[in-house]
Amino acid sequence: MKKSLADKIEQYLKVLIERSDDKRIEIQRSELAETFSCVPSQVSYVISTRFTEREGYFTESRRGGKGYVRITRFSLPEEAANLSDLFNYCNYLANMDLLTQRESRLLSHLLVNAFNHFPAETREEIFEGIKKALHEYVKMES
């Protein structure tokens, strides 16, 4: 089966990340686009769709002549299924216009970072508490 250009770019970046000591890379869109004989927007598309927090990546970018894209791989908590449920709930609320996309992304970012600091035994309780609080918030705003 032939891989698409997006698949090839994704695989290339994942190999670079895995080979790095700190699971972080910094690239320039234009250089990567040149390597794959494509336009920089194709590289941006791959990064924005395949290197998301939900997939376990943080991305930072700066556009312009000295611009870069920094991609960092992180580990999700052991209860990833529950974290995934919360991400899905946040996305659902955003799709229903009950949260803005920005609020949903902020909440997802906070969830990923906050849960790395809690002991495993308390994460389940916290997930349920956040879900309940979100549900109550949505009821108040409706």
C-alpha atoms as a PDB file:
ATOM      1  CA  MET A   1       0.000   0.000   0.000  1.00  0.00           C
ATOM      2  CA  LYS A   2       1.368   3.372  -1.015  1.00  0.00           C
ATOM      3  CA  LYS A   3       1.696   5.989   1.705  1.00  0.00           C
ATOM      4  CA  SER A   4       0.400   9.494   1.187  1.00  0.00           C
ATOM      5  CA  LEU A   5       2.720  12.473   1.453  1.00  0.00           C
ATOM      6  CA  ALA A   6       1.106  13.389   4.788  1.00  0.00           C
ATOM      7  CA  ASP A   7       1.820   9.871   6.093  1.00  0.00           C
ATOM      8  CA  LYS A   8       5.464  10.141   5.025  1.00  0.00           C
ATOM      9  CA  ILE A   9       5.920  13.528   6.695  1.00  0.00           C
ATOM     10  CA  GLU A  10       4.243  12.262   9.874  1.00  0.00           C
ATOM     11  CA  GLN A  11       6.427   9.154   9.992  1.00  0.00           C
ATOM     12  CA  TYR A  12       9.587  11.192   9.375  1.00  0.00           C
ATOM     13  CA  LEU A  13       8.780  13.598  12.214  1.00  0.00           C
ATOM     14  CA  LYS A  14       7.888  10.768  14.611  1.00  0.00           C
ATOM     15  CA  VAL A  15      11.218   9.058  13.919  1.00  0.00           C
ATOM     16  CA  LEU A  16      13.071  12.322  14.594  1.00  0.00           C
ATOM     17  CA  ILE A  17      11.175  12.793  17.866  1.00  0.00           C
ATOM     18  CA  GLU A  18      11.823   9.224  19.039  1.00  0.00           C
ATOM     19  CA  ARG A  19      15.545   9.555  18.265  1.00  0.00           C
ATOM     20  CA  SER A  20      15.893  12.807  20.203  1.00  0.00           C
ATOM     21  CA  ASP A  21      17.025  12.608  23.827  1.00  0.00           C
ATOM     22  CA  ASP A  22      14.284  14.861  25.191  1.00  0.00           C
ATOM     23  CA  LYS A  23      11.514  13.745  22.788  1.00  0.00           C
ATOM     24  CA  ARG A  24      11.511  17.242  21.284  1.00  0.00           C
ATOM     25  CA  ILE A  25      12.396  18.527  17.841  1.00  0.00           C
ATOM     26  CA  GLU A  26      12.565  21.952  16.272  1.00  0.00           C
ATOM     27  CA  ILE A  27      12.156  22.215  12.523  1.00  0.00           C
ATOM     28  CA  GLN A  28      11.558  24.848   9.886  1.00  0.00           C
ATOM     29  CA  ARG A  29       8.507  24.356   7.695  1.00  0.00           C
ATOM     30  CA  SER A  30      10.268  25.542   4.586  1.00  0.00           C
ATOM     31  CA  GLU A  31      13.197  23.147   5.015  1.00  0.00           C
ATOM     32  CA  LEU A  32      10.905  20.187   5.628  1.00  0.00           C
ATOM     33  CA  ALA A  33       8.750  21.192   2.661  1.00  0.00           C
ATOM     34  CA  GLU A  34      11.863  21.292   0.500  1.00  0.00           C
ATOM     35  CA  THR A  35      12.897  17.829   1.729  1.00  0.00           C
ATOM     36  CA  PHE A  36       9.520  16.402   0.696  1.00  0.00           C
ATOM     37  CA  SER A  37       9.066  18.588  -2.417  1.00  0.00           C
ATOM     38  CA  CYS A  38       5.850  20.123  -1.180  1.00  0.00           C
ATOM     39  CA  VAL A  39       4.569  23.489   0.007  1.00  0.00           C
ATOM     40  CA  PRO A  40       4.997  24.600   3.648  1.00  0.00           C
ATOM     41  CA  SER A  41       1.218  24.559   4.136  1.00  0.00           C
ATOM     42  CA  GLN A  42       1.273  20.765   3.611  1.00  0.00           C
ATOM     43  CA  VAL A  43       3.749  20.497   6.487  1.00  0.00           C
ATOM     44  CA  SER A  44       1.536  22.761   8.605  1.00  0.00           C
ATOM     45  CA  TYR A  45      -1.473  20.574   7.822  1.00  0.00           C
ATOM     46  CA  VAL A  46       0.336  17.417   8.975  1.00  0.00           C
ATOM     47  CA  ILE A  47       1.507  19.067  12.183  1.00  0.00           C
ATOM     48  CA  SER A  48      -1.874  20.552  13.049  1.00  0.00           C
ATOM     49  CA  THR A  49      -3.828  17.340  12.399  1.00  0.00           C
ATOM     50  CA  ARG A  50      -1.452  14.596  13.514  1.00  0.00           C
ATOM     51  CA  PHE A  51       0.565  16.142  16.334  1.00  0.00           C
ATOM     52  CA  THR A  52      -2.169  17.222  18.728  1.00  0.00           C
ATOM     53  CA  GLU A  53      -2.390  17.098  22.524  1.00  0.00           C
ATOM     54  CA  ARG A  54      -4.889  14.287  22.199  1.00  0.00           C
ATOM     55  CA  GLU A  55      -2.205  12.291  20.348  1.00  0.00           C
ATOM     56  CA  GLY A  56       0.374  13.134  23.022  1.00  0.00           C
ATOM     57  CA  TYR A  57       2.177  16.099  21.464  1.00  0.00           C
ATOM     58  CA  PHE A  58       2.617  19.774  22.267  1.00  0.00           C
ATOM     59  CA  THR A  59       3.386  22.043  19.330  1.00  0.00           C
ATOM     60  CA  GLU A  60       4.681  25.576  19.353  1.00  0.00           C
ATOM     61  CA  SER A  61       5.368  27.639  16.296  1.00  0.00           C
ATOM     62  CA  ARG A  62       6.622  30.974  15.159  1.00  0.00           C
ATOM     63  CA  ARG A  63       6.127  32.099  11.601  1.00  0.00           C
ATOM     64  CA  GLY A  64       8.426  34.265   9.538  1.00  0.00           C
ATOM     65  CA  GLY A  65      11.987  34.086   8.253  1.00  0.00           C
ATOM     66  CA  LYS A  66      13.431  32.760  11.503  1.00  0.00           C
ATOM     67  CA  GLY A  67      10.274  30.825  12.285  1.00  0.00           C
ATOM     68  CA  TYR A  68      10.186  27.297  13.594  1.00  0.00           C
ATOM     69  CA  VAL A  69       7.898  24.525  14.716  1.00  0.00           C
ATOM     70  CA  ARG A  70       8.743  22.791  17.973  1.00  0.00           C
ATOM     71  CA  ILE A  71       7.075  19.437  18.621  1.00  0.00           C
ATOM     72  CA  THR A  72       7.334  17.750  22.012  1.00  0.00           C
ATOM     73  CA  ARG A  73       6.117  14.243  22.820  1.00  0.00           C
ATOM     74  CA  PHE A  74       4.620  13.683  26.289  1.00  0.00           C
ATOM     75  CA  SER A  75       3.097  10.707  28.058  1.00  0.00           C
ATOM     76  CA  LEU A  76      -0.581  10.578  28.867  1.00  0.00           C
ATOM     77  CA  PRO A  77      -1.623   9.322  32.296  1.00  0.00           C
ATOM     78  CA  GLU A  78      -2.401   5.615  32.671  1.00  0.00           C
ATOM     79  CA  GLU A  79      -6.129   6.370  32.651  1.00  0.00           C
ATOM     80  CA  ALA A  80      -5.924   7.628  29.077  1.00  0.00           C
ATOM     81  CA  ALA A  81      -9.352   6.221  28.263  1.00  0.00           C
ATOM     82  CA  ASN A  82     -10.884   8.520  30.870  1.00  0.00           C
ATOM     83  CA  LEU A  83      -8.792  11.441  29.689  1.00  0.00           C
ATOM     84  CA  SER A  84      -9.927  10.638  26.171  1.00  0.00           C
ATOM     85  CA  ASP A  85     -13.537  10.694  27.390  1.00  0.00           C
ATOM     86  CA  LEU A  86     -13.008  14.164  28.814  1.00  0.00           C
ATOM     87  CA  PHE A  87     -11.383  15.381  25.581  1.00  0.00           C
ATOM     88  CA  ASN A  88     -14.341  14.006  23.636  1.00  0.00           C
ATOM     89  CA  TYR A  89     -16.780  15.698  26.009  1.00  0.00           C
ATOM     90  CA  CYS A  90     -14.942  19.026  25.637  1.00  0.00           C
ATOM     91  CA  ASN A  91     -15.034  18.674  21.852  1.00  0.00           C
ATOM     92  CA  TYR A  92     -18.710  17.792  21.966  1.00  0.00           C
ATOM     93  CA  LEU A  93     -19.459  20.900  24.048  1.00  0.00           C
ATOM     94  CA  ALA A  94     -17.448  23.034  21.621  1.00  0.00           C
ATOM     95  CA  ASN A  95     -19.246  21.524  18.612  1.00  0.00           C
ATOM     96  CA  MET A  96     -22.567  22.313  20.282  1.00  0.00           C
ATOM     97  CA  ASP A  97     -21.336  25.909  20.843  1.00  0.00           C
ATOM     98  CA  LEU A  98     -21.572  25.462  24.610  1.00  0.00           C
ATOM     99  CA  LEU A  99     -17.815  26.082  24.912  1.00  0.00           C
ATOM    100  CA  THR A 100     -15.703  28.046  22.477  1.00  0.00           C
ATOM    101  CA  GLN A 101     -12.981  26.186  20.592  1.00  0.00           C
ATOM    102  CA  ARG A 102     -10.463  28.217  22.567  1.00  0.00           C
ATOM    103  CA  GLU A 103     -12.039  27.216  25.895  1.00  0.00           C
ATOM    104  CA  SER A 104     -12.059  23.586  24.813  1.00  0.00           C
ATOM    105  CA  ARG A 105      -8.363  23.692  23.821  1.00  0.00           C
ATOM    106  CA  LEU A 106      -7.446  25.460  27.075  1.00  0.00           C
ATOM    107  CA  LEU A 107      -9.334  22.908  29.152  1.00  0.00           C
ATOM    108  CA  SER A 108      -7.690  20.022  27.267  1.00  0.00           C
ATOM    109  CA  HIS A 109      -4.269  21.557  27.811  1.00  0.00           C
ATOM    110  CA  LEU A 110      -4.932  21.999  31.519  1.00  0.00           C
ATOM    111  CA  LEU A 111      -6.211  18.439  31.862  1.00  0.00           C
ATOM    112  CA  VAL A 112      -3.101  16.941  30.282  1.00  0.00           C
ATOM    113  CA  ASN A 113      -0.736  18.979  32.411  1.00  0.00           C
ATOM    114  CA  ALA A 114      -2.618  18.793  35.701  1.00  0.00           C
ATOM    115  CA  PHE A 115      -3.145  15.050  35.647  1.00  0.00           C
ATOM    116  CA  ASN A 116       0.562  14.346  35.390  1.00  0.00           C
ATOM    117  CA  HIS A 117       0.875  15.644  38.965  1.00  0.00           C
ATOM    118  CA  PHE A 118      -1.871  13.631  40.664  1.00  0.00           C
ATOM    119  CA  PRO A 119      -1.417  10.170  42.140  1.00  0.00           C
ATOM    120  CA  ALA A 120      -3.086   7.503  40.011  1.00  0.00           C
ATOM    121  CA  GLU A 121      -5.633   6.615  42.701  1.00  0.00           C
ATOM    122  CA  THR A 122      -7.160  10.121  42.725  1.00  0.00           C
ATOM    123  CA  ARG A 123      -7.352  10.687  38.956  1.00  0.00           C
ATOM    124  CA  GLU A 124     -10.641   8.800  38.492  1.00  0.00           C
ATOM    125  CA  GLU A 125     -12.383  10.921  41.139  1.00  0.00           C
ATOM    126  CA  ILE A 126     -11.060  14.108  39.622  1.00  0.00           C
ATOM    127  CA  PHE A 127     -12.179  13.098  36.124  1.00  0.00           C
ATOM    128  CA  GLU A 128     -15.701  12.511  37.394  1.00  0.00           C
ATOM    129  CA  GLY A 129     -15.675  15.802  39.310  1.00  0.00           C
ATOM    130  CA  ILE A 130     -14.611  17.743  36.224  1.00  0.00           C
ATOM    131  CA  LYS A 131     -17.247  16.048  34.072  1.00  0.00           C
ATOM    132  CA  LYS A 132     -19.916  16.902  36.651  1.00  0.00           C
ATOM    133  CA  ALA A 133     -18.705  20.517  36.887  1.00  0.00           C
ATOM    134  CA  LEU A 134     -18.746  20.867  33.099  1.00  0.00           C
ATOM    135  CA  HIS A 135     -22.261  19.439  32.947  1.00  0.00           C
ATOM    136  CA  GLU A 136     -23.451  21.899  35.617  1.00  0.00           C
ATOM    137  CA  TYR A 137     -21.741  24.780  33.792  1.00  0.00           C
ATOM    138  CA  VAL A 138     -23.492  23.871  30.553  1.00  0.00           C
ATOM    139  CA  LYS A 139     -26.866  23.763  32.361  1.00  0.00           C
ATOM    140  CA  MET A 140     -26.230  27.252  33.815  1.00  0.00           C
ATOM    141  CA  GLU A 141     -25.298  28.680  30.405  1.00  0.00           C
ATOM    142  CA  SER A 142     -28.286  27.115  28.585  1.00  0.00           C
END
